[in-house]
């Protein structure tokens, strides 16, 4: 039984790692599709969400929100990304 459980846990960990990698790729791809004038600032915010410290999450979300506020379609797209949604939930767990 221990062997089955270990195999199951390993598979779960591999699936989670694959999902995280996919989420990172989706977020970075979304940044690359932005117009040049928005790209670098959005890249910094997304990189902070992906790799930054917990205390940097609020600032990165605020930066991204302010950057994309004049562009509602882009804002909607970014705020549907899992990494952004997870950051929003992290800051306000009662919202979900």
PDB file of N, CA and C in Angstrom:
ATOM      1  N   UNK A   1       0.824  -1.196   0.000  1.00  0.00           N
ATOM      2  CA  UNK A   1       0.000   0.000   0.000  1.00  0.00           C
ATOM      3  C   UNK A   1       0.869   1.262   0.000  1.00  0.00           C
ATOM      4  N   UNK A   2       1.973   1.240   0.722  1.00  0.00           N
ATOM      5  CA  UNK A   2       2.861   2.391   0.752  1.00  0.00           C
ATOM      6  C   UNK A   2       3.407   2.718  -0.619  1.00  0.00           C
ATOM      7  N   UNK A   3       3.669   1.737  -1.429  1.00  0.00           N
ATOM      8  CA  UNK A   3       4.200   1.954  -2.760  1.00  0.00           C
ATOM      9  C   UNK A   3       3.170   2.645  -3.654  1.00  0.00           C
ATOM     10  N   UNK A   4       1.912   2.185  -3.571  1.00  0.00           N
ATOM     11  CA  UNK A   4       0.851   2.826  -4.352  1.00  0.00           C
ATOM     12  C   UNK A   4       0.702   4.286  -3.941  1.00  0.00           C
ATOM     13  N   UNK A   5       0.673   4.554  -2.641  1.00  0.00           N
ATOM     14  CA  UNK A   5       0.516   5.928  -2.159  1.00  0.00           C
ATOM     15  C   UNK A   5       1.678   6.803  -2.628  1.00  0.00           C
ATOM     16  N   UNK A   6       2.882   6.303  -2.563  1.00  0.00           N
ATOM     17  CA  UNK A   6       4.041   7.064  -3.021  1.00  0.00           C
ATOM     18  C   UNK A   6       3.941   7.373  -4.513  1.00  0.00           C
ATOM     19  N   UNK A   7       3.521   6.387  -5.290  1.00  0.00           N
ATOM     20  CA  UNK A   7       3.362   6.605  -6.731  1.00  0.00           C
ATOM     21  C   UNK A   7       2.271   7.647  -7.000  1.00  0.00           C
ATOM     22  N   UNK A   8       1.180   7.560  -6.259  1.00  0.00           N
ATOM     23  CA  UNK A   8       0.083   8.512  -6.422  1.00  0.00           C
ATOM     24  C   UNK A   8       0.535   9.922  -6.076  1.00  0.00           C
ATOM     25  N   UNK A   9       1.243  10.072  -4.943  1.00  0.00           N
ATOM     26  CA  UNK A   9       1.736  11.390  -4.523  1.00  0.00           C
ATOM     27  C   UNK A   9       2.731  11.953  -5.535  1.00  0.00           C
ATOM     28  N   UNK A  10       3.593  11.100  -6.059  1.00  0.00           N
ATOM     29  CA  UNK A  10       4.559  11.546  -7.067  1.00  0.00           C
ATOM     30  C   UNK A  10       3.819  12.059  -8.312  1.00  0.00           C
ATOM     31  N   UNK A  11       2.797  11.319  -8.726  1.00  0.00           N
ATOM     32  CA  UNK A  11       2.029  11.739  -9.897  1.00  0.00           C
ATOM     33  C   UNK A  11       1.320  13.070  -9.638  1.00  0.00           C
ATOM     34  N   UNK A  12       0.764  13.228  -8.455  1.00  0.00           N
ATOM     35  CA  UNK A  12       0.109  14.490  -8.105  1.00  0.00           C
ATOM     36  C   UNK A  12       1.108  15.651  -8.146  1.00  0.00           C
ATOM     37  N   UNK A  13       2.292  15.431  -7.607  1.00  0.00           N
ATOM     38  CA  UNK A  13       3.318  16.472  -7.612  1.00  0.00           C
ATOM     39  C   UNK A  13       3.737  16.816  -9.041  1.00  0.00           C
ATOM     40  N   UNK A  14       3.868  15.814  -9.880  1.00  0.00           N
ATOM     41  CA  UNK A  14       4.238  16.051 -11.277  1.00  0.00           C
ATOM     42  C   UNK A  14       3.157  16.832 -12.006  1.00  0.00           C
ATOM     43  N   UNK A  15       1.891  16.511 -11.738  1.00  0.00           N
ATOM     44  CA  UNK A  15       0.786  17.236 -12.363  1.00  0.00           C
ATOM     45  C   UNK A  15       0.756  18.687 -11.909  1.00  0.00           C
ATOM     46  N   UNK A  16       0.981  18.908 -10.615  1.00  0.00           N
ATOM     47  CA  UNK A  16       0.995  20.277 -10.105  1.00  0.00           C
ATOM     48  C   UNK A  16       2.141  21.076 -10.716  1.00  0.00           C
ATOM     49  N   UNK A  17       3.292  20.457 -10.846  1.00  0.00           N
ATOM     50  CA  UNK A  17       4.437  21.133 -11.455  1.00  0.00           C
ATOM     51  C   UNK A  17       4.148  21.476 -12.915  1.00  0.00           C
ATOM     52  N   UNK A  18       3.528  20.567 -13.631  1.00  0.00           N
ATOM     53  CA  UNK A  18       3.187  20.814 -15.032  1.00  0.00           C
ATOM     54  C   UNK A  18       2.156  21.943 -15.155  1.00  0.00           C
ATOM     55  N   UNK A  19       1.178  21.964 -14.261  1.00  0.00           N
ATOM     56  CA  UNK A  19       0.177  23.028 -14.273  1.00  0.00           C
ATOM     57  C   UNK A  19       0.815  24.380 -13.986  1.00  0.00           C
ATOM     58  N   UNK A  20       1.725  24.420 -13.015  1.00  0.00           N
ATOM     59  CA  UNK A  20       2.406  25.680 -12.672  1.00  0.00           C
ATOM     60  C   UNK A  20       3.234  26.172 -13.848  1.00  0.00           C
ATOM     61  N   UNK A  21       3.923  25.265 -14.504  1.00  0.00           N
ATOM     62  CA  UNK A  21       4.722  25.635 -15.674  1.00  0.00           C
ATOM     63  C   UNK A  21       3.820  26.201 -16.765  1.00  0.00           C
ATOM     64  N   UNK A  22       2.679  25.573 -16.988  1.00  0.00           N
ATOM     65  CA  UNK A  22       1.736  26.051 -17.993  1.00  0.00           C
ATOM     66  C   UNK A  22       1.202  27.434 -17.618  1.00  0.00           C
ATOM     67  N   UNK A  23       0.892  27.649 -16.357  1.00  0.00           N
ATOM     68  CA  UNK A  23       0.399  28.949 -15.908  1.00  0.00           C
ATOM     69  C   UNK A  23       1.453  30.035 -16.118  1.00  0.00           C
ATOM     70  N   UNK A  24       2.705  29.712 -15.834  1.00  0.00           N
ATOM     71  CA  UNK A  24       3.787  30.670 -16.058  1.00  0.00           C
ATOM     72  C   UNK A  24       3.904  31.007 -17.538  1.00  0.00           C
ATOM     73  N   UNK A  25       3.855  29.988 -18.380  1.00  0.00           N
ATOM     74  CA  UNK A  25       3.961  30.207 -19.825  1.00  0.00           C
ATOM     75  C   UNK A  25       2.806  31.050 -20.346  1.00  0.00           C
ATOM     76  N   UNK A  26       1.590  30.784 -19.870  1.00  0.00           N
ATOM     77  CA  UNK A  26       0.429  31.559 -20.296  1.00  0.00           C
ATOM     78  C   UNK A  26       0.574  33.028 -19.904  1.00  0.00           C
ATOM     79  N   UNK A  27       1.031  33.274 -18.695  1.00  0.00           N
ATOM     80  CA  UNK A  27       1.198  34.655 -18.226  1.00  0.00           C
ATOM     81  C   UNK A  27       2.284  35.369 -19.033  1.00  0.00           C
ATOM     82  N   UNK A  28       3.378  34.710 -19.263  1.00  0.00           N
ATOM     83  CA  UNK A  28       4.470  35.343 -20.023  1.00  0.00           C
ATOM     84  C   UNK A  28       4.085  35.536 -21.485  1.00  0.00           C
ATOM     85  N   UNK A  29       3.315  34.610 -22.031  1.00  0.00           N
ATOM     86  CA  UNK A  29       2.834  34.756 -23.406  1.00  0.00           C
ATOM     87  C   UNK A  29       1.892  35.962 -23.512  1.00  0.00           C
ATOM     88  N   UNK A  30       1.029  36.138 -22.531  1.00  0.00           N
ATOM     89  CA  UNK A  30       0.118  37.282 -22.525  1.00  0.00           C
ATOM     90  C   UNK A  30       0.899  38.592 -22.507  1.00  0.00           C
ATOM     91  N   UNK A  31       1.989  38.629 -21.751  1.00  0.00           N
ATOM     92  CA  UNK A  31       2.837  39.829 -21.706  1.00  0.00           C
ATOM     93  C   UNK A  31       3.440  40.090 -23.076  1.00  0.00           C
ATOM     94  N   UNK A  32       3.928  39.056 -23.738  1.00  0.00           N
ATOM     95  CA  UNK A  32       4.566  39.220 -25.045  1.00  0.00           C
ATOM     96  C   UNK A  32       3.597  39.730 -26.103  1.00  0.00           C
ATOM     97  N   UNK A  33       2.304  39.499 -25.922  1.00  0.00           N
ATOM     98  CA  UNK A  33       1.310  39.949 -26.889  1.00  0.00           C
ATOM     99  C   UNK A  33       0.871  41.397 -26.669  1.00  0.00           C
ATOM    100  N   UNK A  34       1.326  42.004 -25.594  1.00  0.00           N
ATOM    101  CA  UNK A  34       0.967  43.397 -25.315  1.00  0.00           C
ATOM    102  C   UNK A  34       1.669  44.347 -26.278  1.00  0.00           C
ATOM    103  N   UNK A  35       1.080  45.523 -26.498  1.00  0.00           N
ATOM    104  CA  UNK A  35       1.785  46.554 -27.266  1.00  0.00           C
ATOM    105  C   UNK A  35       3.095  46.918 -26.563  1.00  0.00           C
ATOM    106  N   UNK A  36       4.065  47.331 -27.341  1.00  0.00           N
ATOM    107  CA  UNK A  36       5.397  47.650 -26.822  1.00  0.00           C
ATOM    108  C   UNK A  36       5.374  48.594 -25.624  1.00  0.00           C
ATOM    109  N   UNK A  37       4.502  49.601 -25.650  1.00  0.00           N
ATOM    110  CA  UNK A  37       4.503  50.609 -24.588  1.00  0.00           C
ATOM    111  C   UNK A  37       4.064  50.048 -23.236  1.00  0.00           C
ATOM    112  N   UNK A  38       3.393  48.909 -23.238  1.00  0.00           N
ATOM    113  CA  UNK A  38       2.919  48.302 -21.995  1.00  0.00           C
ATOM    114  C   UNK A  38       3.756  47.114 -21.545  1.00  0.00           C
ATOM    115  N   UNK A  39       4.492  46.548 -22.464  1.00  0.00           N
ATOM    116  CA  UNK A  39       5.110  45.244 -22.237  1.00  0.00           C
ATOM    117  C   UNK A  39       6.086  45.193 -21.064  1.00  0.00           C
ATOM    118  N   UNK A  40       7.012  46.118 -20.986  1.00  0.00           N
ATOM    119  CA  UNK A  40       8.059  46.023 -19.946  1.00  0.00           C
ATOM    120  C   UNK A  40       7.482  46.171 -18.540  1.00  0.00           C
ATOM    121  N   UNK A  41       6.592  47.119 -18.374  1.00  0.00           N
ATOM    122  CA  UNK A  41       5.989  47.314 -17.052  1.00  0.00           C
ATOM    123  C   UNK A  41       5.127  46.107 -16.672  1.00  0.00           C
ATOM    124  N   UNK A  42       4.396  45.567 -17.630  1.00  0.00           N
ATOM    125  CA  UNK A  42       3.588  44.369 -17.354  1.00  0.00           C
ATOM    126  C   UNK A  42       4.489  43.180 -17.047  1.00  0.00           C
ATOM    127  N   UNK A  43       5.598  43.068 -17.754  1.00  0.00           N
ATOM    128  CA  UNK A  43       6.540  41.973 -17.504  1.00  0.00           C
ATOM    129  C   UNK A  43       7.065  42.019 -16.069  1.00  0.00           C
ATOM    130  N   UNK A  44       7.409  43.215 -15.607  1.00  0.00           N
ATOM    131  CA  UNK A  44       7.900  43.351 -14.229  1.00  0.00           C
ATOM    132  C   UNK A  44       6.839  42.919 -13.221  1.00  0.00           C
ATOM    133  N   UNK A  45       5.599  43.337 -13.441  1.00  0.00           N
ATOM    134  CA  UNK A  45       4.527  42.977 -12.520  1.00  0.00           C
ATOM    135  C   UNK A  45       4.273  41.473 -12.526  1.00  0.00           C
ATOM    136  N   UNK A  46       4.198  40.880 -13.713  1.00  0.00           N
ATOM    137  CA  UNK A  46       3.940  39.437 -13.813  1.00  0.00           C
ATOM    138  C   UNK A  46       5.110  38.647 -13.231  1.00  0.00           C
ATOM    139  N   UNK A  47       6.331  39.062 -13.523  1.00  0.00           N
ATOM    140  CA  UNK A  47       7.487  38.363 -12.949  1.00  0.00           C
ATOM    141  C   UNK A  47       7.454  38.420 -11.421  1.00  0.00           C
ATOM    142  N   UNK A  48       7.030  39.543 -10.880  1.00  0.00           N
ATOM    143  CA  UNK A  48       6.920  39.657  -9.423  1.00  0.00           C
ATOM    144  C   UNK A  48       5.866  38.691  -8.896  1.00  0.00           C
ATOM    145  N   UNK A  49       4.748  38.592  -9.592  1.00  0.00           N
ATOM    146  CA  UNK A  49       3.709  37.652  -9.158  1.00  0.00           C
ATOM    147  C   UNK A  49       4.208  36.213  -9.224  1.00  0.00           C
ATOM    148  N   UNK A  50       5.000  35.901 -10.236  1.00  0.00           N
ATOM    149  CA  UNK A  50       5.487  34.537 -10.420  1.00  0.00           C
ATOM    150  C   UNK A  50       6.646  34.189  -9.493  1.00  0.00           C
ATOM    151  N   UNK A  51       7.520  35.165  -9.257  1.00  0.00           N
ATOM    152  CA  UNK A  51       8.767  34.843  -8.575  1.00  0.00           C
ATOM    153  C   UNK A  51       9.078  35.726  -7.373  1.00  0.00           C
ATOM    154  N   UNK A  52       8.246  36.718  -7.124  1.00  0.00           N
ATOM    155  CA  UNK A  52       8.543  37.667  -6.053  1.00  0.00           C
ATOM    156  C   UNK A  52       8.147  37.157  -4.683  1.00  0.00           C
ATOM    157  N   UNK A  53       8.414  37.994  -3.710  1.00  0.00           N
ATOM    158  CA  UNK A  53       8.065  37.675  -2.322  1.00  0.00           C
ATOM    159  C   UNK A  53       6.596  38.000  -2.065  1.00  0.00           C
ATOM    160  N   UNK A  54       6.047  37.372  -1.055  1.00  0.00           N
ATOM    161  CA  UNK A  54       4.633  37.585  -0.707  1.00  0.00           C
ATOM    162  C   UNK A  54       4.314  39.061  -0.500  1.00  0.00           C
ATOM    163  N   UNK A  55       5.210  39.782   0.133  1.00  0.00           N
ATOM    164  CA  UNK A  55       4.936  41.190   0.426  1.00  0.00           C
ATOM    165  C   UNK A  55       4.979  42.076  -0.829  1.00  0.00           C
ATOM    166  N   UNK A  56       5.405  41.538  -1.958  1.00  0.00           N
ATOM    167  CA  UNK A  56       5.436  42.295  -3.210  1.00  0.00           C
ATOM    168  C   UNK A  56       4.185  42.091  -4.065  1.00  0.00           C
ATOM    169  N   UNK A  57       3.344  41.146  -3.686  1.00  0.00           N
ATOM    170  CA  UNK A  57       2.174  40.786  -4.494  1.00  0.00           C
ATOM    171  C   UNK A  57       1.214  41.957  -4.654  1.00  0.00           C
ATOM    172  N   UNK A  58       0.880  42.628  -3.568  1.00  0.00           N
ATOM    173  CA  UNK A  58      -0.085  43.732  -3.632  1.00  0.00           C
ATOM    174  C   UNK A  58       0.394  44.831  -4.580  1.00  0.00           C
ATOM    175  N   UNK A  59       1.643  45.206  -4.479  1.00  0.00           N
ATOM    176  CA  UNK A  59       2.183  46.249  -5.350  1.00  0.00           C
ATOM    177  C   UNK A  59       2.182  45.837  -6.813  1.00  0.00           C
ATOM    178  N   UNK A  60       2.521  44.580  -7.079  1.00  0.00           N
ATOM    179  CA  UNK A  60       2.536  44.094  -8.462  1.00  0.00           C
ATOM    180  C   UNK A  60       1.129  44.093  -9.050  1.00  0.00           C
ATOM    181  N   UNK A  61       0.150  43.668  -8.255  1.00  0.00           N
ATOM    182  CA  UNK A  61      -1.241  43.685  -8.740  1.00  0.00           C
ATOM    183  C   UNK A  61      -1.714  45.108  -8.998  1.00  0.00           C
ATOM    184  N   UNK A  62      -1.366  46.008  -8.097  1.00  0.00           N
ATOM    185  CA  UNK A  62      -1.757  47.408  -8.270  1.00  0.00           C
ATOM    186  C   UNK A  62      -1.111  47.997  -9.522  1.00  0.00           C
ATOM    187  N   UNK A  63       0.165  47.714  -9.727  1.00  0.00           N
ATOM    188  CA  UNK A  63       0.854  48.196 -10.928  1.00  0.00           C
ATOM    189  C   UNK A  63       0.182  47.669 -12.196  1.00  0.00           C
ATOM    190  N   UNK A  64      -0.139  46.395 -12.197  1.00  0.00           N
ATOM    191  CA  UNK A  64      -0.768  45.781 -13.358  1.00  0.00           C
ATOM    192  C   UNK A  64      -2.160  46.373 -13.589  1.00  0.00           C
ATOM    193  N   UNK A  65      -2.905  46.560 -12.532  1.00  0.00           N
ATOM    194  CA  UNK A  65      -4.244  47.133 -12.631  1.00  0.00           C
ATOM    195  C   UNK A  65      -4.186  48.547 -13.194  1.00  0.00           C
ATOM    196  N   UNK A  66      -3.287  49.372 -12.676  1.00  0.00           N
ATOM    197  CA  UNK A  66      -3.169  50.754 -13.153  1.00  0.00           C
ATOM    198  C   UNK A  66      -2.695  50.806 -14.600  1.00  0.00           C
ATOM    199  N   UNK A  67      -1.767  49.944 -14.946  1.00  0.00           N
ATOM    200  CA  UNK A  67      -1.236  49.911 -16.308  1.00  0.00           C
ATOM    201  C   UNK A  67      -2.321  49.568 -17.322  1.00  0.00           C
ATOM    202  N   UNK A  68      -3.177  48.603 -16.961  1.00  0.00           N
ATOM    203  CA  UNK A  68      -4.166  48.097 -17.905  1.00  0.00           C
ATOM    204  C   UNK A  68      -5.535  48.749 -17.782  1.00  0.00           C
ATOM    205  N   UNK A  69      -5.707  49.638 -16.804  1.00  0.00           N
ATOM    206  CA  UNK A  69      -7.004  50.287 -16.593  1.00  0.00           C
ATOM    207  C   UNK A  69      -7.538  50.961 -17.861  1.00  0.00           C
ATOM    208  N   UNK A  70      -6.700  51.662 -18.630  1.00  0.00           N
ATOM    209  CA  UNK A  70      -7.221  52.295 -19.850  1.00  0.00           C
ATOM    210  C   UNK A  70      -7.520  51.288 -20.983  1.00  0.00           C
ATOM    211  N   UNK A  71      -7.226  50.031 -20.757  1.00  0.00           N
ATOM    212  CA  UNK A  71      -7.390  49.001 -21.782  1.00  0.00           C
ATOM    213  C   UNK A  71      -8.237  47.850 -21.214  1.00  0.00           C
ATOM    214  N   UNK A  72      -9.566  48.039 -21.145  1.00  0.00           N
ATOM    215  CA  UNK A  72     -10.423  47.058 -20.466  1.00  0.00           C
ATOM    216  C   UNK A  72     -10.306  45.632 -20.994  1.00  0.00           C
ATOM    217  N   UNK A  73     -10.160  45.456 -22.291  1.00  0.00           N
ATOM    218  CA  UNK A  73     -10.059  44.096 -22.830  1.00  0.00           C
ATOM    219  C   UNK A  73      -8.767  43.419 -22.372  1.00  0.00           C
ATOM    220  N   UNK A  74      -7.680  44.162 -22.385  1.00  0.00           N
ATOM    221  CA  UNK A  74      -6.409  43.606 -21.913  1.00  0.00           C
ATOM    222  C   UNK A  74      -6.479  43.331 -20.416  1.00  0.00           C
ATOM    223  N   UNK A  75      -7.078  44.253 -19.683  1.00  0.00           N
ATOM    224  CA  UNK A  75      -7.203  44.070 -18.235  1.00  0.00           C
ATOM    225  C   UNK A  75      -7.994  42.804 -17.926  1.00  0.00           C
ATOM    226  N   UNK A  76      -9.120  42.629 -18.611  1.00  0.00           N
ATOM    227  CA  UNK A  76      -9.927  41.425 -18.402  1.00  0.00           C
ATOM    228  C   UNK A  76      -9.125  40.169 -18.684  1.00  0.00           C
ATOM    229  N   UNK A  77      -8.369  40.189 -19.762  1.00  0.00           N
ATOM    230  CA  UNK A  77      -7.569  39.011 -20.108  1.00  0.00           C
ATOM    231  C   UNK A  77      -6.552  38.701 -19.007  1.00  0.00           C
ATOM    232  N   UNK A  78      -5.849  39.710 -18.537  1.00  0.00           N
ATOM    233  CA  UNK A  78      -4.825  39.483 -17.521  1.00  0.00           C
ATOM    234  C   UNK A  78      -5.429  39.037 -16.196  1.00  0.00           C
ATOM    235  N   UNK A  79      -6.556  39.606 -15.840  1.00  0.00           N
ATOM    236  CA  UNK A  79      -7.148  39.255 -14.559  1.00  0.00           C
ATOM    237  C   UNK A  79      -7.887  37.911 -14.601  1.00  0.00           C
ATOM    238  N   UNK A  80      -7.947  37.303 -15.777  1.00  0.00           N
ATOM    239  CA  UNK A  80      -8.430  35.919 -15.881  1.00  0.00           C
ATOM    240  C   UNK A  80      -7.287  34.915 -15.819  1.00  0.00           C
ATOM    241  N   UNK A  81      -6.052  35.390 -15.941  1.00  0.00           N
ATOM    242  CA  UNK A  81      -4.904  34.482 -15.825  1.00  0.00           C
ATOM    243  C   UNK A  81      -4.881  33.884 -14.422  1.00  0.00           C
ATOM    244  N   UNK A  82      -4.563  32.637 -14.347  1.00  0.00           N
ATOM    245  CA  UNK A  82      -4.581  31.932 -13.052  1.00  0.00           C
ATOM    246  C   UNK A  82      -3.641  32.581 -12.040  1.00  0.00           C
ATOM    247  N   UNK A  83      -2.456  32.980 -12.487  1.00  0.00           N
ATOM    248  CA  UNK A  83      -1.486  33.554 -11.550  1.00  0.00           C
ATOM    249  C   UNK A  83      -2.000  34.875 -10.971  1.00  0.00           C
ATOM    250  N   UNK A  84      -2.693  35.661 -11.773  1.00  0.00           N
ATOM    251  CA  UNK A  84      -3.250  36.922 -11.283  1.00  0.00           C
ATOM    252  C   UNK A  84      -4.432  36.630 -10.364  1.00  0.00           C
ATOM    253  N   UNK A  85      -5.287  35.711 -10.778  1.00  0.00           N
ATOM    254  CA  UNK A  85      -6.423  35.328  -9.948  1.00  0.00           C
ATOM    255  C   UNK A  85      -5.956  34.772  -8.600  1.00  0.00           C
ATOM    256  N   UNK A  86      -4.920  33.947  -8.624  1.00  0.00           N
ATOM    257  CA  UNK A  86      -4.372  33.409  -7.375  1.00  0.00           C
ATOM    258  C   UNK A  86      -3.827  34.523  -6.480  1.00  0.00           C
ATOM    259  N   UNK A  87      -3.209  35.539  -7.095  1.00  0.00           N
ATOM    260  CA  UNK A  87      -2.673  36.657  -6.319  1.00  0.00           C
ATOM    261  C   UNK A  87      -3.810  37.452  -5.671  1.00  0.00           C
ATOM    262  N   UNK A  88      -4.889  37.669  -6.428  1.00  0.00           N
ATOM    263  CA  UNK A  88      -6.052  38.377  -5.877  1.00  0.00           C
ATOM    264  C   UNK A  88      -6.616  37.591  -4.700  1.00  0.00           C
ATOM    265  N   UNK A  89      -6.750  36.290  -4.866  1.00  0.00           N
ATOM    266  CA  UNK A  89      -7.274  35.439  -3.791  1.00  0.00           C
ATOM    267  C   UNK A  89      -6.332  35.433  -2.580  1.00  0.00           C
ATOM    268  N   UNK A  90      -5.033  35.432  -2.833  1.00  0.00           N
ATOM    269  CA  UNK A  90      -4.040  35.467  -1.753  1.00  0.00           C
ATOM    270  C   UNK A  90      -4.230  36.721  -0.894  1.00  0.00           C
ATOM    271  N   UNK A  91      -4.491  37.850  -1.556  1.00  0.00           N
ATOM    272  CA  UNK A  91      -4.640  39.115  -0.835  1.00  0.00           C
ATOM    273  C   UNK A  91      -5.983  39.228  -0.126  1.00  0.00           C
ATOM    274  N   UNK A  92      -7.002  38.602  -0.680  1.00  0.00           N
ATOM    275  CA  UNK A  92      -8.335  38.675  -0.080  1.00  0.00           C
ATOM    276  C   UNK A  92      -9.000  37.315  -0.173  1.00  0.00           C
ATOM    277  N   UNK A  93      -8.610  36.383   0.712  1.00  0.00           N
ATOM    278  CA  UNK A  93      -9.134  35.023   0.628  1.00  0.00           C
ATOM    279  C   UNK A  93     -10.645  34.938   0.809  1.00  0.00           C
ATOM    280  N   UNK A  94     -11.272  35.949   1.366  1.00  0.00           N
ATOM    281  CA  UNK A  94     -12.719  35.932   1.552  1.00  0.00           C
ATOM    282  C   UNK A  94     -13.490  36.195   0.264  1.00  0.00           C
ATOM    283  N   UNK A  95     -12.811  36.664  -0.783  1.00  0.00           N
ATOM    284  CA  UNK A  95     -13.464  36.977  -2.050  1.00  0.00           C
ATOM    285  C   UNK A  95     -13.838  35.750  -2.843  1.00  0.00           C
ATOM    286  N   UNK A  96     -13.177  34.618  -2.641  1.00  0.00           N
ATOM    287  CA  UNK A  96     -13.458  33.447  -3.475  1.00  0.00           C
ATOM    288  C   UNK A  96     -14.555  32.595  -2.907  1.00  0.00           C
TER     289      UNK A  96
END
